[in-house]
């Protein structure tokens, strides 16, 4: 493992998608491999939004077999099969 100091820039974002109730914890603590001596936390923005139900052509479903199994397991959990 190594630290990449310029891996992300201001305005970069990450989309997380959950097909069931999920607990998400955000943390802005310094990275343990960061060689910088001073920690300068930056603001973090969080937005929660609903997305359309997935379809058979959904990239999250079709990108790999493991994803399809995850969707199937979630459906079983919710008694949808």
PDB file of N, CA and C in Angstrom:
ATOM      1  N   UNK A   1       0.849  -1.179   0.000  1.00  0.00           N
ATOM      2  CA  UNK A   1       0.000   0.000   0.000  1.00  0.00           C
ATOM      3  C   UNK A   1       0.889   1.233   0.000  1.00  0.00           C
ATOM      4  N   UNK A   2       0.377   2.257  -0.633  1.00  0.00           N
ATOM      5  CA  UNK A   2       1.091   3.534  -0.600  1.00  0.00           C
ATOM      6  C   UNK A   2       0.082   4.665  -0.710  1.00  0.00           C
ATOM      7  N   UNK A   3       0.493   5.825  -0.282  1.00  0.00           N
ATOM      8  CA  UNK A   3      -0.345   7.012  -0.289  1.00  0.00           C
ATOM      9  C   UNK A   3      -0.129   7.772  -1.595  1.00  0.00           C
ATOM     10  N   UNK A   4      -1.215   8.169  -2.261  1.00  0.00           N
ATOM     11  CA  UNK A   4      -1.152   8.973  -3.484  1.00  0.00           C
ATOM     12  C   UNK A   4      -1.634  10.383  -3.137  1.00  0.00           C
ATOM     13  N   UNK A   5      -0.730  11.355  -2.967  1.00  0.00           N
ATOM     14  CA  UNK A   5      -1.144  12.674  -2.503  1.00  0.00           C
ATOM     15  C   UNK A   5      -2.075  13.425  -3.452  1.00  0.00           C
ATOM     16  N   UNK A   6      -1.993  13.189  -4.746  1.00  0.00           N
ATOM     17  CA  UNK A   6      -2.836  13.916  -5.708  1.00  0.00           C
ATOM     18  C   UNK A   6      -3.893  13.009  -6.323  1.00  0.00           C
ATOM     19  N   UNK A   7      -4.332  11.998  -5.585  1.00  0.00           N
ATOM     20  CA  UNK A   7      -5.288  11.034  -6.117  1.00  0.00           C
ATOM     21  C   UNK A   7      -6.659  11.650  -6.393  1.00  0.00           C
ATOM     22  N   UNK A   8      -7.052  12.629  -5.614  1.00  0.00           N
ATOM     23  CA  UNK A   8      -8.339  13.282  -5.839  1.00  0.00           C
ATOM     24  C   UNK A   8      -8.156  14.792  -5.736  1.00  0.00           C
ATOM     25  N   UNK A   9      -9.048  15.488  -6.381  1.00  0.00           N
ATOM     26  CA  UNK A   9      -8.987  16.952  -6.408  1.00  0.00           C
ATOM     27  C   UNK A   9     -10.300  17.520  -5.911  1.00  0.00           C
ATOM     28  N   UNK A  10     -10.275  18.809  -5.599  1.00  0.00           N
ATOM     29  CA  UNK A  10     -11.503  19.492  -5.180  1.00  0.00           C
ATOM     30  C   UNK A  10     -12.575  19.284  -6.238  1.00  0.00           C
ATOM     31  N   UNK A  11     -13.767  18.922  -5.801  1.00  0.00           N
ATOM     32  CA  UNK A  11     -14.877  18.700  -6.714  1.00  0.00           C
ATOM     33  C   UNK A  11     -15.050  17.251  -7.130  1.00  0.00           C
ATOM     34  N   UNK A  12     -14.064  16.390  -6.864  1.00  0.00           N
ATOM     35  CA  UNK A  12     -14.220  14.965  -7.155  1.00  0.00           C
ATOM     36  C   UNK A  12     -15.321  14.386  -6.275  1.00  0.00           C
ATOM     37  N   UNK A  13     -15.898  13.283  -6.693  1.00  0.00           N
ATOM     38  CA  UNK A  13     -16.995  12.713  -5.915  1.00  0.00           C
ATOM     39  C   UNK A  13     -17.006  11.196  -6.040  1.00  0.00           C
ATOM     40  N   UNK A  14     -17.724  10.576  -5.149  1.00  0.00           N
ATOM     41  CA  UNK A  14     -17.938   9.141  -5.156  1.00  0.00           C
ATOM     42  C   UNK A  14     -19.436   8.923  -5.030  1.00  0.00           C
ATOM     43  N   UNK A  15     -19.999   8.110  -5.911  1.00  0.00           N
ATOM     44  CA  UNK A  15     -21.404   7.723  -5.809  1.00  0.00           C
ATOM     45  C   UNK A  15     -21.467   6.347  -5.170  1.00  0.00           C
ATOM     46  N   UNK A  16     -22.235   6.228  -4.117  1.00  0.00           N
ATOM     47  CA  UNK A  16     -22.493   4.938  -3.494  1.00  0.00           C
ATOM     48  C   UNK A  16     -23.950   4.594  -3.761  1.00  0.00           C
ATOM     49  N   UNK A  17     -24.199   3.371  -4.134  1.00  0.00           N
ATOM     50  CA  UNK A  17     -25.561   2.949  -4.445  1.00  0.00           C
ATOM     51  C   UNK A  17     -25.900   1.772  -3.546  1.00  0.00           C
ATOM     52  N   UNK A  18     -27.055   1.812  -2.930  1.00  0.00           N
ATOM     53  CA  UNK A  18     -27.484   0.729  -2.052  1.00  0.00           C
ATOM     54  C   UNK A  18     -28.897   0.327  -2.426  1.00  0.00           C
ATOM     55  N   UNK A  19     -29.103  -0.960  -2.599  1.00  0.00           N
ATOM     56  CA  UNK A  19     -30.415  -1.483  -2.964  1.00  0.00           C
ATOM     57  C   UNK A  19     -31.230  -1.873  -1.730  1.00  0.00           C
ATOM     58  N   UNK A  20     -30.683  -1.631  -0.557  1.00  0.00           N
ATOM     59  CA  UNK A  20     -31.400  -1.923   0.686  1.00  0.00           C
ATOM     60  C   UNK A  20     -30.914  -0.940   1.747  1.00  0.00           C
ATOM     61  N   UNK A  21     -31.566  -0.899   2.878  1.00  0.00           N
ATOM     62  CA  UNK A  21     -31.157  -0.006   3.949  1.00  0.00           C
ATOM     63  C   UNK A  21     -29.686  -0.255   4.280  1.00  0.00           C
ATOM     64  N   UNK A  22     -28.930   0.812   4.351  1.00  0.00           N
ATOM     65  CA  UNK A  22     -27.485   0.705   4.546  1.00  0.00           C
ATOM     66  C   UNK A  22     -27.025   1.807   5.491  1.00  0.00           C
ATOM     67  N   UNK A  23     -26.112   1.465   6.366  1.00  0.00           N
ATOM     68  CA  UNK A  23     -25.488   2.441   7.245  1.00  0.00           C
ATOM     69  C   UNK A  23     -24.175   2.860   6.608  1.00  0.00           C
ATOM     70  N   UNK A  24     -24.007   4.154   6.386  1.00  0.00           N
ATOM     71  CA  UNK A  24     -22.781   4.684   5.799  1.00  0.00           C
ATOM     72  C   UNK A  24     -22.145   5.609   6.819  1.00  0.00           C
ATOM     73  N   UNK A  25     -20.862   5.411   7.059  1.00  0.00           N
ATOM     74  CA  UNK A  25     -20.121   6.247   7.996  1.00  0.00           C
ATOM     75  C   UNK A  25     -19.048   6.980   7.207  1.00  0.00           C
ATOM     76  N   UNK A  26     -19.061   8.308   7.277  1.00  0.00           N
ATOM     77  CA  UNK A  26     -18.040   9.123   6.615  1.00  0.00           C
ATOM     78  C   UNK A  26     -17.044   9.580   7.664  1.00  0.00           C
ATOM     79  N   UNK A  27     -15.769   9.562   7.298  1.00  0.00           N
ATOM     80  CA  UNK A  27     -14.727   9.958   8.220  1.00  0.00           C
ATOM     81  C   UNK A  27     -13.739  10.838   7.483  1.00  0.00           C
ATOM     82  N   UNK A  28     -13.358  11.956   8.060  1.00  0.00           N
ATOM     83  CA  UNK A  28     -12.413  12.860   7.420  1.00  0.00           C
ATOM     84  C   UNK A  28     -11.083  12.899   8.166  1.00  0.00           C
ATOM     85  N   UNK A  29     -10.758  11.831   8.855  1.00  0.00           N
ATOM     86  CA  UNK A  29      -9.486  11.795   9.589  1.00  0.00           C
ATOM     87  C   UNK A  29      -8.320  11.694   8.609  1.00  0.00           C
ATOM     88  N   UNK A  30      -7.119  12.050   9.048  1.00  0.00           N
ATOM     89  CA  UNK A  30      -5.974  11.978   8.139  1.00  0.00           C
ATOM     90  C   UNK A  30      -5.642  10.531   7.780  1.00  0.00           C
ATOM     91  N   UNK A  31      -5.145  10.340   6.579  1.00  0.00           N
ATOM     92  CA  UNK A  31      -4.746   9.008   6.129  1.00  0.00           C
ATOM     93  C   UNK A  31      -3.471   8.612   6.881  1.00  0.00           C
ATOM     94  N   UNK A  32      -3.398   7.392   7.404  1.00  0.00           N
ATOM     95  CA  UNK A  32      -2.231   7.008   8.192  1.00  0.00           C
ATOM     96  C   UNK A  32      -0.922   6.983   7.404  1.00  0.00           C
ATOM     97  N   UNK A  33      -0.988   6.900   6.073  1.00  0.00           N
ATOM     98  CA  UNK A  33       0.237   6.892   5.264  1.00  0.00           C
ATOM     99  C   UNK A  33       0.587   8.265   4.695  1.00  0.00           C
ATOM    100  N   UNK A  34      -0.214   9.281   5.010  1.00  0.00           N
ATOM    101  CA  UNK A  34       0.040  10.634   4.515  1.00  0.00           C
ATOM    102  C   UNK A  34       1.297  11.182   5.181  1.00  0.00           C
ATOM    103  N   UNK A  35       2.331  11.546   4.388  1.00  0.00           N
ATOM    104  CA  UNK A  35       3.569  12.048   4.989  1.00  0.00           C
ATOM    105  C   UNK A  35       3.467  13.484   5.505  1.00  0.00           C
ATOM    106  N   UNK A  36       2.406  14.192   5.186  1.00  0.00           N
ATOM    107  CA  UNK A  36       2.261  15.576   5.641  1.00  0.00           C
ATOM    108  C   UNK A  36       2.202  15.636   7.164  1.00  0.00           C
ATOM    109  N   UNK A  37       2.868  16.611   7.720  1.00  0.00           N
ATOM    110  CA  UNK A  37       2.882  16.752   9.171  1.00  0.00           C
ATOM    111  C   UNK A  37       1.625  17.403   9.715  1.00  0.00           C
ATOM    112  N   UNK A  38       1.064  18.320   8.954  1.00  0.00           N
ATOM    113  CA  UNK A  38      -0.133  19.042   9.407  1.00  0.00           C
ATOM    114  C   UNK A  38      -1.370  18.429   8.782  1.00  0.00           C
ATOM    115  N   UNK A  39      -2.411  18.334   9.558  1.00  0.00           N
ATOM    116  CA  UNK A  39      -3.684  17.826   9.050  1.00  0.00           C
ATOM    117  C   UNK A  39      -4.605  19.011   8.848  1.00  0.00           C
ATOM    118  N   UNK A  40      -5.040  19.207   7.625  1.00  0.00           N
ATOM    119  CA  UNK A  40      -5.923  20.323   7.279  1.00  0.00           C
ATOM    120  C   UNK A  40      -7.224  19.747   6.727  1.00  0.00           C
ATOM    121  N   UNK A  41      -8.200  19.470   7.608  1.00  0.00           N
ATOM    122  CA  UNK A  41      -9.453  18.884   7.114  1.00  0.00           C
ATOM    123  C   UNK A  41     -10.168  19.830   6.166  1.00  0.00           C
ATOM    124  N   UNK A  42     -10.795  19.261   5.183  1.00  0.00           N
ATOM    125  CA  UNK A  42     -11.568  20.020   4.200  1.00  0.00           C
ATOM    126  C   UNK A  42     -13.043  19.669   4.378  1.00  0.00           C
ATOM    127  N   UNK A  43     -13.934  20.545   3.930  1.00  0.00           N
ATOM    128  CA  UNK A  43     -15.363  20.238   4.054  1.00  0.00           C
ATOM    129  C   UNK A  43     -15.746  19.061   3.155  1.00  0.00           C
ATOM    130  N   UNK A  44     -16.730  18.315   3.617  1.00  0.00           N
ATOM    131  CA  UNK A  44     -17.266  17.181   2.872  1.00  0.00           C
ATOM    132  C   UNK A  44     -18.754  17.411   2.697  1.00  0.00           C
ATOM    133  N   UNK A  45     -19.249  17.190   1.504  1.00  0.00           N
ATOM    134  CA  UNK A  45     -20.675  17.348   1.234  1.00  0.00           C
ATOM    135  C   UNK A  45     -21.294  15.979   1.034  1.00  0.00           C
ATOM    136  N   UNK A  46     -22.463  15.785   1.599  1.00  0.00           N
ATOM    137  CA  UNK A  46     -23.190  14.533   1.470  1.00  0.00           C
ATOM    138  C   UNK A  46     -24.558  14.826   0.872  1.00  0.00           C
ATOM    139  N   UNK A  47     -24.923  14.081  -0.139  1.00  0.00           N
ATOM    140  CA  UNK A  47     -26.246  14.207  -0.753  1.00  0.00           C
ATOM    141  C   UNK A  47     -26.858  12.816  -0.840  1.00  0.00           C
ATOM    142  N   UNK A  48     -28.105  12.704  -0.455  1.00  0.00           N
ATOM    143  CA  UNK A  48     -28.827  11.434  -0.544  1.00  0.00           C
ATOM    144  C   UNK A  48     -29.971  11.633  -1.528  1.00  0.00           C
ATOM    145  N   UNK A  49     -30.067  10.726  -2.465  1.00  0.00           N
ATOM    146  CA  UNK A  49     -31.140  10.842  -3.456  1.00  0.00           C
ATOM    147  C   UNK A  49     -31.631   9.458  -3.842  1.00  0.00           C
ATOM    148  N   UNK A  50     -32.839   9.398  -4.296  1.00  0.00           N
ATOM    149  CA  UNK A  50     -33.403   8.141  -4.786  1.00  0.00           C
ATOM    150  C   UNK A  50     -33.069   7.999  -6.261  1.00  0.00           C
ATOM    151  N   UNK A  51     -32.836   6.780  -6.654  1.00  0.00           N
ATOM    152  CA  UNK A  51     -32.592   6.523  -8.069  1.00  0.00           C
ATOM    153  C   UNK A  51     -33.693   5.615  -8.597  1.00  0.00           C
ATOM    154  N   UNK A  52     -33.753   5.537  -9.891  1.00  0.00           N
ATOM    155  CA  UNK A  52     -34.767   4.689 -10.519  1.00  0.00           C
ATOM    156  C   UNK A  52     -34.452   3.225 -10.219  1.00  0.00           C
ATOM    157  N   UNK A  53     -35.459   2.375 -10.189  1.00  0.00           N
ATOM    158  CA  UNK A  53     -35.202   0.941 -10.001  1.00  0.00           C
ATOM    159  C   UNK A  53     -34.288   0.420 -11.110  1.00  0.00           C
ATOM    160  N   UNK A  54     -33.484  -0.566 -10.783  1.00  0.00           N
ATOM    161  CA  UNK A  54     -32.542  -1.091 -11.775  1.00  0.00           C
ATOM    162  C   UNK A  54     -33.291  -1.910 -12.825  1.00  0.00           C
ATOM    163  N   UNK A  55     -32.713  -1.948 -14.012  1.00  0.00           N
ATOM    164  CA  UNK A  55     -33.246  -2.767 -15.105  1.00  0.00           C
ATOM    165  C   UNK A  55     -32.214  -3.807 -15.503  1.00  0.00           C
ATOM    166  N   UNK A  56     -32.572  -4.687 -16.405  1.00  0.00           N
ATOM    167  CA  UNK A  56     -31.668  -5.756 -16.821  1.00  0.00           C
ATOM    168  C   UNK A  56     -30.406  -5.234 -17.512  1.00  0.00           C
ATOM    169  N   UNK A  57     -30.425  -3.991 -18.011  1.00  0.00           N
ATOM    170  CA  UNK A  57     -29.250  -3.425 -18.671  1.00  0.00           C
ATOM    171  C   UNK A  57     -28.449  -2.513 -17.745  1.00  0.00           C
ATOM    172  N   UNK A  58     -28.760  -2.494 -16.451  1.00  0.00           N
ATOM    173  CA  UNK A  58     -28.082  -1.645 -15.478  1.00  0.00           C
ATOM    174  C   UNK A  58     -26.617  -2.046 -15.349  1.00  0.00           C
ATOM    175  N   UNK A  59     -25.709  -1.075 -15.481  1.00  0.00           N
ATOM    176  CA  UNK A  59     -24.274  -1.362 -15.426  1.00  0.00           C
ATOM    177  C   UNK A  59     -23.866  -1.946 -14.077  1.00  0.00           C
ATOM    178  N   UNK A  60     -24.532  -1.564 -13.004  1.00  0.00           N
ATOM    179  CA  UNK A  60     -24.219  -2.143 -11.696  1.00  0.00           C
ATOM    180  C   UNK A  60     -24.588  -3.629 -11.654  1.00  0.00           C
ATOM    181  N   UNK A  61     -25.564  -4.018 -12.407  1.00  0.00           N
ATOM    182  CA  UNK A  61     -25.993  -5.410 -12.454  1.00  0.00           C
ATOM    183  C   UNK A  61     -25.148  -6.235 -13.416  1.00  0.00           C
ATOM    184  N   UNK A  62     -24.773  -5.653 -14.534  1.00  0.00           N
ATOM    185  CA  UNK A  62     -24.136  -6.422 -15.611  1.00  0.00           C
ATOM    186  C   UNK A  62     -22.614  -6.369 -15.630  1.00  0.00           C
ATOM    187  N   UNK A  63     -21.986  -5.553 -14.801  1.00  0.00           N
ATOM    188  CA  UNK A  63     -20.530  -5.380 -14.908  1.00  0.00           C
ATOM    189  C   UNK A  63     -19.737  -6.618 -14.503  1.00  0.00           C
ATOM    190  N   UNK A  64     -20.277  -7.463 -13.621  1.00  0.00           N
ATOM    191  CA  UNK A  64     -19.594  -8.718 -13.286  1.00  0.00           C
ATOM    192  C   UNK A  64     -20.592  -9.677 -12.627  1.00  0.00           C
ATOM    193  N   UNK A  65     -20.327 -10.983 -12.697  1.00  0.00           N
ATOM    194  CA  UNK A  65     -21.252 -11.970 -12.135  1.00  0.00           C
ATOM    195  C   UNK A  65     -21.492 -11.780 -10.628  1.00  0.00           C
ATOM    196  N   UNK A  66     -20.480 -11.309  -9.918  1.00  0.00           N
ATOM    197  CA  UNK A  66     -20.639 -11.108  -8.475  1.00  0.00           C
ATOM    198  C   UNK A  66     -21.727 -10.067  -8.188  1.00  0.00           C
ATOM    199  N   UNK A  67     -21.802  -9.044  -9.001  1.00  0.00           N
ATOM    200  CA  UNK A  67     -22.845  -8.030  -8.816  1.00  0.00           C
ATOM    201  C   UNK A  67     -24.234  -8.633  -9.005  1.00  0.00           C
ATOM    202  N   UNK A  68     -24.393  -9.460 -10.023  1.00  0.00           N
ATOM    203  CA  UNK A  68     -25.691 -10.086 -10.269  1.00  0.00           C
ATOM    204  C   UNK A  68     -26.093 -10.940  -9.059  1.00  0.00           C
ATOM    205  N   UNK A  69     -25.121 -11.672  -8.480  1.00  0.00           N
ATOM    206  CA  UNK A  69     -25.409 -12.471  -7.278  1.00  0.00           C
ATOM    207  C   UNK A  69     -25.803 -11.574  -6.110  1.00  0.00           C
ATOM    208  N   UNK A  70     -25.162 -10.417  -5.988  1.00  0.00           N
ATOM    209  CA  UNK A  70     -25.519  -9.481  -4.924  1.00  0.00           C
ATOM    210  C   UNK A  70     -26.947  -8.982  -5.063  1.00  0.00           C
ATOM    211  N   UNK A  71     -27.352  -8.639  -6.272  1.00  0.00           N
ATOM    212  CA  UNK A  71     -28.731  -8.211  -6.503  1.00  0.00           C
ATOM    213  C   UNK A  71     -29.706  -9.345  -6.183  1.00  0.00           C
ATOM    214  N   UNK A  72     -29.346 -10.569  -6.593  1.00  0.00           N
ATOM    215  CA  UNK A  72     -30.209 -11.726  -6.323  1.00  0.00           C
ATOM    216  C   UNK A  72     -30.322 -11.974  -4.823  1.00  0.00           C
ATOM    217  N   UNK A  73     -29.209 -11.879  -4.104  1.00  0.00           N
ATOM    218  CA  UNK A  73     -29.250 -12.073  -2.651  1.00  0.00           C
ATOM    219  C   UNK A  73     -30.086 -11.002  -1.959  1.00  0.00           C
ATOM    220  N   UNK A  74     -29.996  -9.763  -2.444  1.00  0.00           N
ATOM    221  CA  UNK A  74     -30.810  -8.687  -1.874  1.00  0.00           C
ATOM    222  C   UNK A  74     -32.289  -8.967  -2.122  1.00  0.00           C
ATOM    223  N   UNK A  75     -32.626  -9.436  -3.317  1.00  0.00           N
ATOM    224  CA  UNK A  75     -34.024  -9.768  -3.626  1.00  0.00           C
ATOM    225  C   UNK A  75     -34.518 -10.890  -2.723  1.00  0.00           C
ATOM    226  N   UNK A  76     -33.691 -11.904  -2.507  1.00  0.00           N
ATOM    227  CA  UNK A  76     -34.078 -12.996  -1.603  1.00  0.00           C
ATOM    228  C   UNK A  76     -34.284 -12.455  -0.202  1.00  0.00           C
ATOM    229  N   UNK A  77     -33.398 -11.596   0.254  1.00  0.00           N
ATOM    230  CA  UNK A  77     -33.522 -11.000   1.596  1.00  0.00           C
ATOM    231  C   UNK A  77     -34.855 -10.292   1.752  1.00  0.00           C
ATOM    232  N   UNK A  78     -35.288  -9.621   0.694  1.00  0.00           N
ATOM    233  CA  UNK A  78     -36.560  -8.875   0.733  1.00  0.00           C
ATOM    234  C   UNK A  78     -37.737  -9.708   0.241  1.00  0.00           C
ATOM    235  N   UNK A  79     -37.553 -11.032   0.108  1.00  0.00           N
ATOM    236  CA  UNK A  79     -38.613 -11.953  -0.319  1.00  0.00           C
ATOM    237  C   UNK A  79     -39.230 -11.545  -1.655  1.00  0.00           C
ATOM    238  N   UNK A  80     -38.414 -11.110  -2.576  1.00  0.00           N
ATOM    239  CA  UNK A  80     -38.885 -10.687  -3.893  1.00  0.00           C
ATOM    240  C   UNK A  80     -38.792 -11.802  -4.924  1.00  0.00           C
ATOM    241  N   UNK A  81     -38.194 -12.945  -4.547  1.00  0.00           N
ATOM    242  CA  UNK A  81     -38.116 -14.072  -5.479  1.00  0.00           C
ATOM    243  C   UNK A  81     -39.119 -15.120  -5.075  1.00  0.00           C
TER     244      UNK A  81
END
